[in-house]
Each structure stands twice: as structure tokens, then as C-alpha cells.
Amino acid sequence: MISGMTTEPAILDAMELTSDPELGVRFAESAHQILADLVRGGAALGWVEPPARDEVAELLGHVVSAVQAGDAALRAAYLDRRLVGLGYWLRYARPTHRPHADLEKIAVDAAAHGRGIGRALTAALIADARETGIEVLTLDARGDNTTALRLYRSLGFTEYGRLPGFVAVGEHRYDKVFYMLDFRRQS
């Protein structure tokens, strides 16, 4: 699973994560720290203010429950048993959208940026979606998040829409950009 000193991240799925009691206990706290720090630094993760510990724990509990029901995938990136990133997708709840899922969060600790962790997490989540039989994987991102948008395009996502000035952060407005990866075209 996760062993000694490495330079490559270990990308664990939800089952691997929850099967290791030590990692499972620390996961929510470590995830909260990463998300809160990123949001504090201005990251586009859906919060204006850093989320509370309880909010992150509740969110992760919901994602793990959805994984257990076959309606989600969760991935966690570790370097030397230290959480450095996480991401997940959730299947759409609406019955007419059930063949599809939305990549909702990819978050990498700022200290680990530039090491390919976001790419590894996203690629693992794409593989999970393909293996689960998801037909279309969607995501949305803030228009000024050019690094993430470049990553998504490099992994095969295409833009299918944009809402100008839709995301409000205080007085600032940003485009909301919609991307999709259509597995039906790849089969």
C-alpha cells in the first residue's frame, strides 16, 4: 500500500484508504487542512472562506457512502504517508443523468504543486469512471484557473460551455467553464 520514502505519490482508492485504520483516521483531518489552506490562498474549490472541519468530514462521509453504493470514486495521493492531494467524482442523482458523473474536486497541497499529483489523481479518476461504465464525465472550473484547465484539456476533456462572470468571489467575477470527457466516443 504505502511504504517508506518515495518520490512518486501513492494514489489510493477509497477502499484502500478505508482499509488502513491509521490513514482512515487521519484522512478527514488532513483533507480539511489541504482544502482550508488552498481556499485561504484563493484556490477555486467552491468555497469563499475556508471550510469548517465538520463540513469537510460530512462531505467526505457523503462521498465514501456514494463510493460504497457504486455512485462515486474517491482518490487520495500520499507521499511518505502524508496526504498531499485528493479528488472525487459523483454520479448524477437525476434518473435521466445516471449514466454520467461530475468530477467535483481535485485538490493538491500547495507545497506539492508541480509534481504531477493533480495529473495522477485526475487520470486515476478518469480510469475509475471508464471502468464503472460512466458515459460522460463532466467538470466545471473557474475561468482563471488556467493550470487546471490546461491539465483537463491534456487529459482529453473538451469545453462545452461557459457562463461569463458567473462565479462571484467578493467583488470579483469569473467565468464558469464546463468541460466533458465523452467515453462513448472512445469506445
N, C-alpha and C. Protein backbone atom coordinates (compact mmCIF):
# COMPACT_ATOMS: atom_id res chain seq x y z
N MET A 1 0.84 -1.18 0.00
CA MET A 1 0.00 0.00 0.00
C MET A 1 0.89 1.24 0.00
N ILE A 2 1.25 1.75 1.16
CA ILE A 2 2.15 2.90 1.24
C ILE A 2 3.35 2.46 2.06
N SER A 3 4.53 2.58 1.48
CA SER A 3 5.72 2.21 2.21
C SER A 3 6.66 3.39 2.30
N GLY A 4 7.79 3.19 2.93
CA GLY A 4 8.84 4.16 3.20
C GLY A 4 8.92 5.40 2.33
N MET A 5 10.10 5.94 2.20
CA MET A 5 10.34 7.19 1.48
C MET A 5 10.24 6.98 -0.02
N THR A 6 9.41 7.80 -0.67
CA THR A 6 9.25 7.71 -2.12
C THR A 6 9.21 9.11 -2.69
N THR A 7 9.48 9.19 -3.99
CA THR A 7 9.33 10.46 -4.67
C THR A 7 8.07 10.47 -5.52
N GLU A 8 7.52 9.29 -5.80
CA GLU A 8 6.29 9.17 -6.56
C GLU A 8 5.11 9.05 -5.59
N PRO A 9 4.00 9.73 -5.89
CA PRO A 9 2.85 9.62 -5.00
C PRO A 9 2.19 8.25 -5.11
N ALA A 10 1.67 7.76 -4.00
CA ALA A 10 0.81 6.58 -3.98
C ALA A 10 -0.61 7.11 -4.14
N ILE A 11 -1.32 6.63 -5.15
CA ILE A 11 -2.69 7.07 -5.40
C ILE A 11 -3.62 5.95 -4.93
N LEU A 12 -4.27 6.18 -3.81
CA LEU A 12 -5.14 5.17 -3.21
C LEU A 12 -6.59 5.42 -3.59
N ASP A 13 -7.34 4.32 -3.74
CA ASP A 13 -8.78 4.47 -3.92
C ASP A 13 -9.44 4.42 -2.54
N ALA A 14 -10.75 4.62 -2.51
CA ALA A 14 -11.46 4.72 -1.24
C ALA A 14 -11.34 3.43 -0.43
N MET A 15 -11.37 2.29 -1.07
CA MET A 15 -11.29 1.03 -0.34
C MET A 15 -9.91 0.86 0.30
N GLU A 16 -8.86 1.20 -0.44
CA GLU A 16 -7.51 1.12 0.13
C GLU A 16 -7.37 2.09 1.29
N LEU A 17 -7.93 3.26 1.14
CA LEU A 17 -7.85 4.29 2.16
C LEU A 17 -8.55 3.87 3.44
N THR A 18 -9.76 3.33 3.31
CA THR A 18 -10.53 2.96 4.49
C THR A 18 -10.08 1.64 5.09
N SER A 19 -9.32 0.84 4.35
CA SER A 19 -8.84 -0.43 4.90
C SER A 19 -7.61 -0.25 5.79
N ASP A 20 -6.97 0.89 5.73
CA ASP A 20 -5.82 1.19 6.58
C ASP A 20 -6.30 2.08 7.71
N PRO A 21 -6.48 1.51 8.92
CA PRO A 21 -7.06 2.29 10.02
C PRO A 21 -6.31 3.59 10.32
N GLU A 22 -4.98 3.56 10.27
CA GLU A 22 -4.20 4.76 10.57
C GLU A 22 -4.49 5.87 9.55
N LEU A 23 -4.51 5.51 8.26
CA LEU A 23 -4.78 6.51 7.22
C LEU A 23 -6.22 7.00 7.31
N GLY A 24 -7.14 6.07 7.52
CA GLY A 24 -8.55 6.43 7.58
C GLY A 24 -8.86 7.45 8.65
N VAL A 25 -8.24 7.29 9.81
CA VAL A 25 -8.48 8.20 10.93
C VAL A 25 -7.97 9.60 10.59
N ARG A 26 -6.81 9.69 9.96
CA ARG A 26 -6.20 10.98 9.67
C ARG A 26 -6.70 11.62 8.38
N PHE A 27 -7.38 10.86 7.53
CA PHE A 27 -7.75 11.35 6.21
C PHE A 27 -8.58 12.63 6.27
N ALA A 28 -9.68 12.63 7.03
CA ALA A 28 -10.57 13.80 7.06
C ALA A 28 -9.84 15.02 7.58
N GLU A 29 -9.04 14.86 8.62
CA GLU A 29 -8.30 16.00 9.19
C GLU A 29 -7.29 16.53 8.18
N SER A 30 -6.55 15.64 7.54
CA SER A 30 -5.55 16.06 6.55
C SER A 30 -6.22 16.71 5.34
N ALA A 31 -7.34 16.14 4.89
CA ALA A 31 -8.08 16.70 3.76
C ALA A 31 -8.57 18.10 4.11
N HIS A 32 -9.10 18.26 5.33
CA HIS A 32 -9.55 19.57 5.76
C HIS A 32 -8.42 20.59 5.70
N GLN A 33 -7.26 20.20 6.19
CA GLN A 33 -6.12 21.12 6.23
C GLN A 33 -5.74 21.56 4.81
N ILE A 34 -5.69 20.61 3.88
CA ILE A 34 -5.34 20.93 2.49
C ILE A 34 -6.38 21.87 1.89
N LEU A 35 -7.66 21.52 2.02
CA LEU A 35 -8.73 22.33 1.43
C LEU A 35 -8.76 23.73 2.04
N ALA A 36 -8.67 23.81 3.37
CA ALA A 36 -8.72 25.12 4.03
C ALA A 36 -7.53 25.99 3.61
N ASP A 37 -6.35 25.40 3.56
CA ASP A 37 -5.16 26.16 3.16
C ASP A 37 -5.29 26.66 1.72
N LEU A 38 -5.77 25.79 0.83
CA LEU A 38 -5.91 26.19 -0.57
C LEU A 38 -6.92 27.32 -0.72
N VAL A 39 -8.07 27.19 -0.06
CA VAL A 39 -9.10 28.23 -0.15
C VAL A 39 -8.58 29.54 0.45
N ARG A 40 -7.87 29.44 1.57
CA ARG A 40 -7.27 30.63 2.18
C ARG A 40 -6.34 31.32 1.20
N GLY A 41 -5.68 30.55 0.34
CA GLY A 41 -4.77 31.09 -0.66
C GLY A 41 -5.46 31.52 -1.95
N GLY A 42 -6.80 31.43 -1.99
CA GLY A 42 -7.54 31.89 -3.16
C GLY A 42 -7.90 30.82 -4.17
N ALA A 43 -7.69 29.55 -3.84
CA ALA A 43 -8.00 28.47 -4.78
C ALA A 43 -9.49 28.40 -5.09
N ALA A 44 -9.78 27.95 -6.29
CA ALA A 44 -11.15 27.85 -6.78
C ALA A 44 -11.69 26.44 -6.49
N LEU A 45 -12.17 26.24 -5.27
CA LEU A 45 -12.68 24.93 -4.86
C LEU A 45 -14.14 24.96 -4.42
N GLY A 46 -14.81 26.07 -4.65
CA GLY A 46 -16.23 26.15 -4.32
C GLY A 46 -16.53 26.86 -3.02
N TRP A 47 -15.51 27.22 -2.26
CA TRP A 47 -15.70 27.96 -1.02
C TRP A 47 -15.08 29.34 -1.17
N VAL A 48 -15.68 30.34 -0.53
CA VAL A 48 -15.09 31.67 -0.48
C VAL A 48 -14.21 31.77 0.77
N GLU A 49 -14.71 31.21 1.88
CA GLU A 49 -13.97 31.14 3.14
C GLU A 49 -13.57 29.68 3.35
N PRO A 50 -12.45 29.43 4.06
CA PRO A 50 -12.04 28.04 4.31
C PRO A 50 -13.17 27.25 4.97
N PRO A 51 -13.42 26.04 4.51
CA PRO A 51 -14.50 25.23 5.08
C PRO A 51 -14.17 24.78 6.50
N ALA A 52 -15.20 24.56 7.29
CA ALA A 52 -15.04 24.05 8.66
C ALA A 52 -14.69 22.56 8.62
N ARG A 53 -14.03 22.10 9.67
CA ARG A 53 -13.66 20.67 9.77
C ARG A 53 -14.89 19.77 9.60
N ASP A 54 -15.97 20.12 10.30
CA ASP A 54 -17.19 19.31 10.25
C ASP A 54 -17.77 19.26 8.84
N GLU A 55 -17.70 20.37 8.13
CA GLU A 55 -18.22 20.41 6.75
C GLU A 55 -17.42 19.48 5.85
N VAL A 56 -16.11 19.49 5.98
CA VAL A 56 -15.26 18.61 5.17
C VAL A 56 -15.50 17.15 5.55
N ALA A 57 -15.59 16.86 6.85
CA ALA A 57 -15.84 15.49 7.29
C ALA A 57 -17.19 14.98 6.76
N GLU A 58 -18.21 15.84 6.79
CA GLU A 58 -19.53 15.46 6.28
C GLU A 58 -19.47 15.21 4.77
N LEU A 59 -18.79 16.10 4.05
CA LEU A 59 -18.64 15.94 2.60
C LEU A 59 -17.94 14.61 2.28
N LEU A 60 -16.84 14.33 2.96
CA LEU A 60 -16.10 13.09 2.69
C LEU A 60 -16.91 11.86 3.08
N GLY A 61 -17.68 11.96 4.15
CA GLY A 61 -18.56 10.85 4.53
C GLY A 61 -19.59 10.58 3.44
N HIS A 62 -20.14 11.64 2.86
CA HIS A 62 -21.10 11.50 1.76
C HIS A 62 -20.43 10.84 0.55
N VAL A 63 -19.22 11.26 0.22
CA VAL A 63 -18.51 10.70 -0.93
C VAL A 63 -18.21 9.22 -0.68
N VAL A 64 -17.73 8.86 0.51
CA VAL A 64 -17.42 7.45 0.81
C VAL A 64 -18.69 6.60 0.73
N SER A 65 -19.80 7.11 1.24
CA SER A 65 -21.08 6.38 1.14
C SER A 65 -21.46 6.18 -0.32
N ALA A 66 -21.27 7.20 -1.14
CA ALA A 66 -21.57 7.09 -2.57
C ALA A 66 -20.64 6.09 -3.25
N VAL A 67 -19.37 6.05 -2.85
CA VAL A 67 -18.44 5.05 -3.39
C VAL A 67 -18.96 3.66 -3.07
N GLN A 68 -19.36 3.44 -1.82
CA GLN A 68 -19.85 2.13 -1.40
C GLN A 68 -21.11 1.72 -2.16
N ALA A 69 -21.90 2.70 -2.61
CA ALA A 69 -23.12 2.42 -3.39
C ALA A 69 -22.83 2.31 -4.89
N GLY A 70 -21.56 2.49 -5.29
CA GLY A 70 -21.21 2.42 -6.71
C GLY A 70 -21.49 3.70 -7.47
N ASP A 71 -21.68 4.80 -6.75
CA ASP A 71 -22.06 6.07 -7.37
C ASP A 71 -20.98 7.14 -7.30
N ALA A 72 -19.75 6.75 -7.00
CA ALA A 72 -18.66 7.73 -6.87
C ALA A 72 -17.32 7.02 -6.93
N ALA A 73 -16.30 7.82 -7.08
CA ALA A 73 -14.92 7.36 -6.91
C ALA A 73 -14.19 8.43 -6.13
N LEU A 74 -13.32 7.99 -5.24
CA LEU A 74 -12.51 8.88 -4.42
C LEU A 74 -11.08 8.41 -4.53
N ARG A 75 -10.18 9.34 -4.72
CA ARG A 75 -8.74 9.03 -4.78
C ARG A 75 -8.00 9.96 -3.84
N ALA A 76 -6.96 9.42 -3.22
CA ALA A 76 -6.11 10.20 -2.31
C ALA A 76 -4.66 9.95 -2.69
N ALA A 77 -3.89 11.03 -2.73
CA ALA A 77 -2.46 10.94 -3.08
C ALA A 77 -1.63 11.12 -1.81
N TYR A 78 -0.70 10.20 -1.62
CA TYR A 78 0.17 10.23 -0.46
C TYR A 78 1.63 10.24 -0.89
N LEU A 79 2.41 11.03 -0.21
CA LEU A 79 3.87 10.98 -0.29
C LEU A 79 4.36 10.67 1.11
N ASP A 80 5.01 9.54 1.26
CA ASP A 80 5.55 9.16 2.58
C ASP A 80 4.49 9.22 3.67
N ARG A 81 3.34 8.61 3.41
CA ARG A 81 2.22 8.51 4.36
C ARG A 81 1.63 9.88 4.73
N ARG A 82 1.91 10.91 3.94
CA ARG A 82 1.34 12.24 4.16
C ARG A 82 0.40 12.55 3.01
N LEU A 83 -0.86 12.86 3.33
CA LEU A 83 -1.83 13.21 2.30
C LEU A 83 -1.38 14.49 1.61
N VAL A 84 -1.27 14.44 0.28
CA VAL A 84 -0.87 15.63 -0.48
C VAL A 84 -1.92 16.01 -1.53
N GLY A 85 -2.96 15.20 -1.68
CA GLY A 85 -3.99 15.53 -2.65
C GLY A 85 -5.16 14.58 -2.58
N LEU A 86 -6.29 15.04 -3.08
CA LEU A 86 -7.48 14.22 -3.13
C LEU A 86 -8.38 14.69 -4.26
N GLY A 87 -9.22 13.82 -4.70
CA GLY A 87 -10.19 14.17 -5.73
C GLY A 87 -11.31 13.15 -5.74
N TYR A 88 -12.43 13.54 -6.29
CA TYR A 88 -13.54 12.60 -6.40
C TYR A 88 -14.50 13.03 -7.50
N TRP A 89 -15.26 12.03 -7.97
CA TRP A 89 -16.40 12.31 -8.84
C TRP A 89 -17.61 11.64 -8.23
N LEU A 90 -18.78 12.20 -8.54
CA LEU A 90 -20.06 11.66 -8.10
C LEU A 90 -20.96 11.45 -9.30
N ARG A 91 -21.64 10.32 -9.31
CA ARG A 91 -22.64 10.06 -10.35
C ARG A 91 -23.79 11.05 -10.16
N TYR A 92 -24.35 11.53 -11.26
CA TYR A 92 -25.50 12.43 -11.18
C TYR A 92 -26.69 11.69 -10.57
N ALA A 93 -27.44 12.36 -9.70
CA ALA A 93 -28.56 11.74 -8.99
C ALA A 93 -29.82 11.66 -9.85
N ARG A 94 -30.05 12.62 -10.73
CA ARG A 94 -31.25 12.65 -11.55
C ARG A 94 -31.31 11.38 -12.40
N PRO A 95 -32.43 10.65 -12.40
CA PRO A 95 -32.51 9.37 -13.13
C PRO A 95 -32.10 9.46 -14.60
N THR A 96 -32.42 10.55 -15.26
CA THR A 96 -32.07 10.68 -16.68
C THR A 96 -30.60 10.98 -16.90
N HIS A 97 -29.88 11.29 -15.83
CA HIS A 97 -28.45 11.59 -15.93
C HIS A 97 -27.57 10.53 -15.29
N ARG A 98 -28.14 9.43 -14.81
CA ARG A 98 -27.40 8.40 -14.06
C ARG A 98 -26.23 7.78 -14.83
N PRO A 99 -26.23 7.75 -16.17
CA PRO A 99 -25.06 7.18 -16.84
C PRO A 99 -23.82 8.07 -16.75
N HIS A 100 -23.96 9.25 -16.19
CA HIS A 100 -22.90 10.25 -16.21
C HIS A 100 -22.47 10.64 -14.80
N ALA A 101 -21.29 11.24 -14.70
CA ALA A 101 -20.76 11.66 -13.40
C ALA A 101 -20.07 13.01 -13.55
N ASP A 102 -19.91 13.69 -12.41
CA ASP A 102 -19.27 15.01 -12.37
C ASP A 102 -18.02 14.94 -11.49
N LEU A 103 -16.89 15.31 -12.07
CA LEU A 103 -15.63 15.41 -11.33
C LEU A 103 -15.74 16.68 -10.50
N GLU A 104 -15.94 16.53 -9.19
CA GLU A 104 -16.30 17.69 -8.37
C GLU A 104 -15.13 18.39 -7.72
N LYS A 105 -14.12 17.67 -7.29
CA LYS A 105 -12.98 18.32 -6.65
C LYS A 105 -11.69 17.58 -6.98
N ILE A 106 -10.67 18.35 -7.27
CA ILE A 106 -9.28 17.90 -7.32
C ILE A 106 -8.52 18.95 -6.51
N ALA A 107 -7.86 18.51 -5.46
CA ALA A 107 -7.14 19.45 -4.59
C ALA A 107 -5.77 18.86 -4.27
N VAL A 108 -4.74 19.66 -4.49
CA VAL A 108 -3.36 19.24 -4.20
C VAL A 108 -2.74 20.27 -3.27
N ASP A 109 -2.13 19.78 -2.21
CA ASP A 109 -1.43 20.62 -1.25
C ASP A 109 -0.49 21.56 -2.00
N ALA A 110 -0.54 22.85 -1.69
CA ALA A 110 0.28 23.85 -2.39
C ALA A 110 1.76 23.49 -2.38
N ALA A 111 2.24 22.87 -1.31
CA ALA A 111 3.65 22.50 -1.21
C ALA A 111 4.02 21.39 -2.19
N ALA A 112 3.02 20.70 -2.73
CA ALA A 112 3.28 19.58 -3.65
C ALA A 112 2.92 19.93 -5.09
N HIS A 113 2.56 21.19 -5.36
CA HIS A 113 2.23 21.59 -6.73
C HIS A 113 3.43 21.39 -7.65
N GLY A 114 3.14 21.06 -8.90
CA GLY A 114 4.19 20.90 -9.90
C GLY A 114 4.86 19.54 -9.90
N ARG A 115 4.32 18.60 -9.13
CA ARG A 115 4.93 17.27 -9.04
C ARG A 115 4.11 16.20 -9.77
N GLY A 116 3.08 16.62 -10.51
CA GLY A 116 2.27 15.66 -11.26
C GLY A 116 1.18 14.99 -10.46
N ILE A 117 0.94 15.46 -9.25
CA ILE A 117 -0.05 14.81 -8.38
C ILE A 117 -1.47 15.07 -8.89
N GLY A 118 -1.77 16.28 -9.32
CA GLY A 118 -3.09 16.56 -9.88
C GLY A 118 -3.36 15.72 -11.11
N ARG A 119 -2.35 15.57 -11.96
CA ARG A 119 -2.48 14.73 -13.16
C ARG A 119 -2.72 13.27 -12.77
N ALA A 120 -1.96 12.76 -11.79
CA ALA A 120 -2.12 11.37 -11.38
C ALA A 120 -3.50 11.13 -10.77
N LEU A 121 -3.96 12.05 -9.93
CA LEU A 121 -5.30 11.92 -9.34
C LEU A 121 -6.38 11.93 -10.42
N THR A 122 -6.29 12.91 -11.32
CA THR A 122 -7.31 13.04 -12.37
C THR A 122 -7.30 11.83 -13.28
N ALA A 123 -6.11 11.35 -13.67
CA ALA A 123 -6.03 10.16 -14.53
C ALA A 123 -6.63 8.94 -13.84
N ALA A 124 -6.38 8.79 -12.54
CA ALA A 124 -6.96 7.65 -11.81
C ALA A 124 -8.48 7.76 -11.75
N LEU A 125 -8.99 8.96 -11.54
CA LEU A 125 -10.45 9.15 -11.50
C LEU A 125 -11.08 8.93 -12.88
N ILE A 126 -10.38 9.32 -13.93
CA ILE A 126 -10.86 9.05 -15.29
C ILE A 126 -10.93 7.53 -15.51
N ALA A 127 -9.88 6.83 -15.11
CA ALA A 127 -9.86 5.37 -15.26
C ALA A 127 -11.00 4.73 -14.45
N ASP A 128 -11.24 5.23 -13.24
CA ASP A 128 -12.34 4.71 -12.43
C ASP A 128 -13.68 4.92 -13.13
N ALA A 129 -13.87 6.09 -13.72
CA ALA A 129 -15.12 6.39 -14.42
C ALA A 129 -15.30 5.45 -15.61
N ARG A 130 -14.26 5.27 -16.37
CA ARG A 130 -14.31 4.38 -17.54
C ARG A 130 -14.65 2.96 -17.09
N GLU A 131 -13.97 2.48 -16.06
CA GLU A 131 -14.20 1.10 -15.57
C GLU A 131 -15.60 0.93 -14.99
N THR A 132 -16.17 1.99 -14.43
CA THR A 132 -17.50 1.92 -13.84
C THR A 132 -18.60 1.99 -14.90
N GLY A 133 -18.22 2.33 -16.12
CA GLY A 133 -19.20 2.42 -17.19
C GLY A 133 -19.83 3.80 -17.33
N ILE A 134 -19.21 4.81 -16.73
CA ILE A 134 -19.70 6.19 -16.90
C ILE A 134 -19.59 6.53 -18.38
N GLU A 135 -20.62 7.16 -18.92
CA GLU A 135 -20.61 7.53 -20.34
C GLU A 135 -19.95 8.88 -20.58
N VAL A 136 -20.30 9.88 -19.75
CA VAL A 136 -19.73 11.21 -19.89
C VAL A 136 -19.31 11.69 -18.50
N LEU A 137 -18.05 12.09 -18.38
CA LEU A 137 -17.54 12.68 -17.15
C LEU A 137 -17.44 14.18 -17.38
N THR A 138 -18.11 14.95 -16.53
CA THR A 138 -18.11 16.40 -16.68
C THR A 138 -17.34 17.03 -15.52
N LEU A 139 -17.05 18.31 -15.68
CA LEU A 139 -16.49 19.10 -14.59
C LEU A 139 -16.72 20.55 -14.92
N ASP A 140 -16.63 21.39 -13.90
CA ASP A 140 -16.63 22.82 -14.15
C ASP A 140 -15.48 23.42 -13.37
N ALA A 141 -14.96 24.51 -13.88
CA ALA A 141 -13.81 25.16 -13.25
C ALA A 141 -13.94 26.67 -13.42
N ARG A 142 -13.30 27.38 -12.53
CA ARG A 142 -13.27 28.83 -12.63
C ARG A 142 -12.37 29.21 -13.80
N GLY A 143 -12.82 30.15 -14.59
CA GLY A 143 -12.13 30.51 -15.83
C GLY A 143 -10.70 30.99 -15.68
N ASP A 144 -10.35 31.51 -14.52
CA ASP A 144 -8.97 31.97 -14.32
C ASP A 144 -8.03 30.87 -13.84
N ASN A 145 -8.56 29.66 -13.67
CA ASN A 145 -7.75 28.53 -13.19
C ASN A 145 -7.08 27.86 -14.40
N THR A 146 -6.22 28.61 -15.05
CA THR A 146 -5.65 28.19 -16.33
C THR A 146 -4.81 26.92 -16.22
N THR A 147 -4.13 26.71 -15.10
CA THR A 147 -3.33 25.49 -14.93
C THR A 147 -4.23 24.27 -14.94
N ALA A 148 -5.33 24.32 -14.19
CA ALA A 148 -6.26 23.19 -14.16
C ALA A 148 -6.90 22.98 -15.52
N LEU A 149 -7.32 24.05 -16.18
CA LEU A 149 -7.96 23.91 -17.50
C LEU A 149 -7.00 23.28 -18.50
N ARG A 150 -5.74 23.67 -18.46
CA ARG A 150 -4.73 23.08 -19.34
C ARG A 150 -4.57 21.58 -19.05
N LEU A 151 -4.54 21.23 -17.75
CA LEU A 151 -4.44 19.82 -17.36
C LEU A 151 -5.62 19.03 -17.91
N TYR A 152 -6.83 19.53 -17.73
CA TYR A 152 -8.02 18.80 -18.19
C TYR A 152 -8.00 18.61 -19.70
N ARG A 153 -7.63 19.65 -20.44
CA ARG A 153 -7.54 19.51 -21.91
C ARG A 153 -6.51 18.45 -22.29
N SER A 154 -5.38 18.44 -21.58
CA SER A 154 -4.32 17.47 -21.90
C SER A 154 -4.76 16.04 -21.63
N LEU A 155 -5.77 15.86 -20.79
CA LEU A 155 -6.28 14.53 -20.48
C LEU A 155 -7.52 14.17 -21.31
N GLY A 156 -7.83 15.00 -22.30
CA GLY A 156 -8.91 14.67 -23.23
C GLY A 156 -10.22 15.38 -23.03
N PHE A 157 -10.34 16.21 -22.00
CA PHE A 157 -11.58 16.95 -21.79
C PHE A 157 -11.71 18.05 -22.84
N THR A 158 -12.95 18.34 -23.23
CA THR A 158 -13.22 19.43 -24.16
C THR A 158 -14.23 20.39 -23.51
N GLU A 159 -14.08 21.65 -23.82
CA GLU A 159 -15.00 22.66 -23.31
C GLU A 159 -16.33 22.54 -24.05
N TYR A 160 -17.43 22.57 -23.29
CA TYR A 160 -18.75 22.54 -23.94
C TYR A 160 -19.61 23.73 -23.55
N GLY A 161 -19.08 24.62 -22.72
CA GLY A 161 -19.86 25.80 -22.38
C GLY A 161 -19.14 26.70 -21.41
N ARG A 162 -19.67 27.91 -21.31
CA ARG A 162 -19.04 28.91 -20.44
C ARG A 162 -20.12 29.91 -20.02
N LEU A 163 -20.16 30.22 -18.73
CA LEU A 163 -21.04 31.26 -18.21
C LEU A 163 -20.16 32.45 -17.82
N PRO A 164 -20.17 33.51 -18.59
CA PRO A 164 -19.31 34.68 -18.29
C PRO A 164 -19.68 35.33 -16.95
N GLY A 165 -18.66 35.63 -16.16
CA GLY A 165 -18.85 36.35 -14.91
C GLY A 165 -19.77 35.69 -13.91
N PHE A 166 -19.91 34.37 -13.95
CA PHE A 166 -20.89 33.64 -13.14
C PHE A 166 -20.41 33.40 -11.71
N VAL A 167 -19.12 33.19 -11.51
CA VAL A 167 -18.58 32.87 -10.18
C VAL A 167 -18.26 34.18 -9.46
N ALA A 168 -18.87 34.36 -8.29
CA ALA A 168 -18.70 35.58 -7.51
C ALA A 168 -17.83 35.30 -6.29
N VAL A 169 -16.71 36.00 -6.22
CA VAL A 169 -15.84 35.95 -5.05
C VAL A 169 -15.66 37.39 -4.60
N GLY A 170 -16.48 37.78 -3.62
CA GLY A 170 -16.50 39.19 -3.22
C GLY A 170 -16.95 40.03 -4.40
N GLU A 171 -16.16 41.04 -4.72
CA GLU A 171 -16.47 41.91 -5.85
C GLU A 171 -15.97 41.36 -7.19
N HIS A 172 -15.17 40.31 -7.15
CA HIS A 172 -14.59 39.75 -8.37
C HIS A 172 -15.57 38.76 -9.03
N ARG A 173 -15.56 38.72 -10.35
CA ARG A 173 -16.38 37.80 -11.12
C ARG A 173 -15.49 37.03 -12.08
N TYR A 174 -15.79 35.74 -12.20
CA TYR A 174 -15.01 34.85 -13.07
C TYR A 174 -15.96 34.02 -13.91
N ASP A 175 -15.49 33.63 -15.08
CA ASP A 175 -16.27 32.71 -15.91
C ASP A 175 -16.34 31.35 -15.22
N LYS A 176 -17.44 30.65 -15.43
CA LYS A 176 -17.57 29.25 -15.04
C LYS A 176 -17.46 28.46 -16.35
N VAL A 177 -16.46 27.59 -16.44
CA VAL A 177 -16.16 26.86 -17.67
C VAL A 177 -16.54 25.40 -17.47
N PHE A 178 -17.25 24.85 -18.45
CA PHE A 178 -17.73 23.46 -18.39
C PHE A 178 -16.93 22.59 -19.35
N TYR A 179 -16.44 21.47 -18.84
CA TYR A 179 -15.66 20.52 -19.64
C TYR A 179 -16.32 19.14 -19.56
N MET A 180 -16.05 18.35 -20.59
CA MET A 180 -16.58 16.99 -20.62
C MET A 180 -15.57 16.04 -21.26
N LEU A 181 -15.65 14.78 -20.82
CA LEU A 181 -14.88 13.70 -21.42
C LEU A 181 -15.91 12.64 -21.77
N ASP A 182 -16.13 12.45 -23.07
CA ASP A 182 -17.19 11.56 -23.55
C ASP A 182 -16.58 10.21 -23.89
N PHE A 183 -16.79 9.24 -22.99
CA PHE A 183 -16.25 7.89 -23.20
C PHE A 183 -16.97 7.15 -24.32
N ARG A 184 -18.17 7.58 -24.67
CA ARG A 184 -18.91 6.94 -25.76
C ARG A 184 -18.18 7.10 -27.08
N ARG A 185 -17.50 8.21 -27.25
CA ARG A 185 -16.74 8.47 -28.48
C ARG A 185 -15.43 7.70 -28.53
N GLN A 186 -15.02 7.16 -27.38
CA GLN A 186 -13.74 6.47 -27.30
C GLN A 186 -13.88 4.97 -27.40
N SER A 187 -15.13 4.46 -27.40
CA SER A 187 -15.29 3.01 -27.43
C SER A 187 -15.43 2.45 -28.82
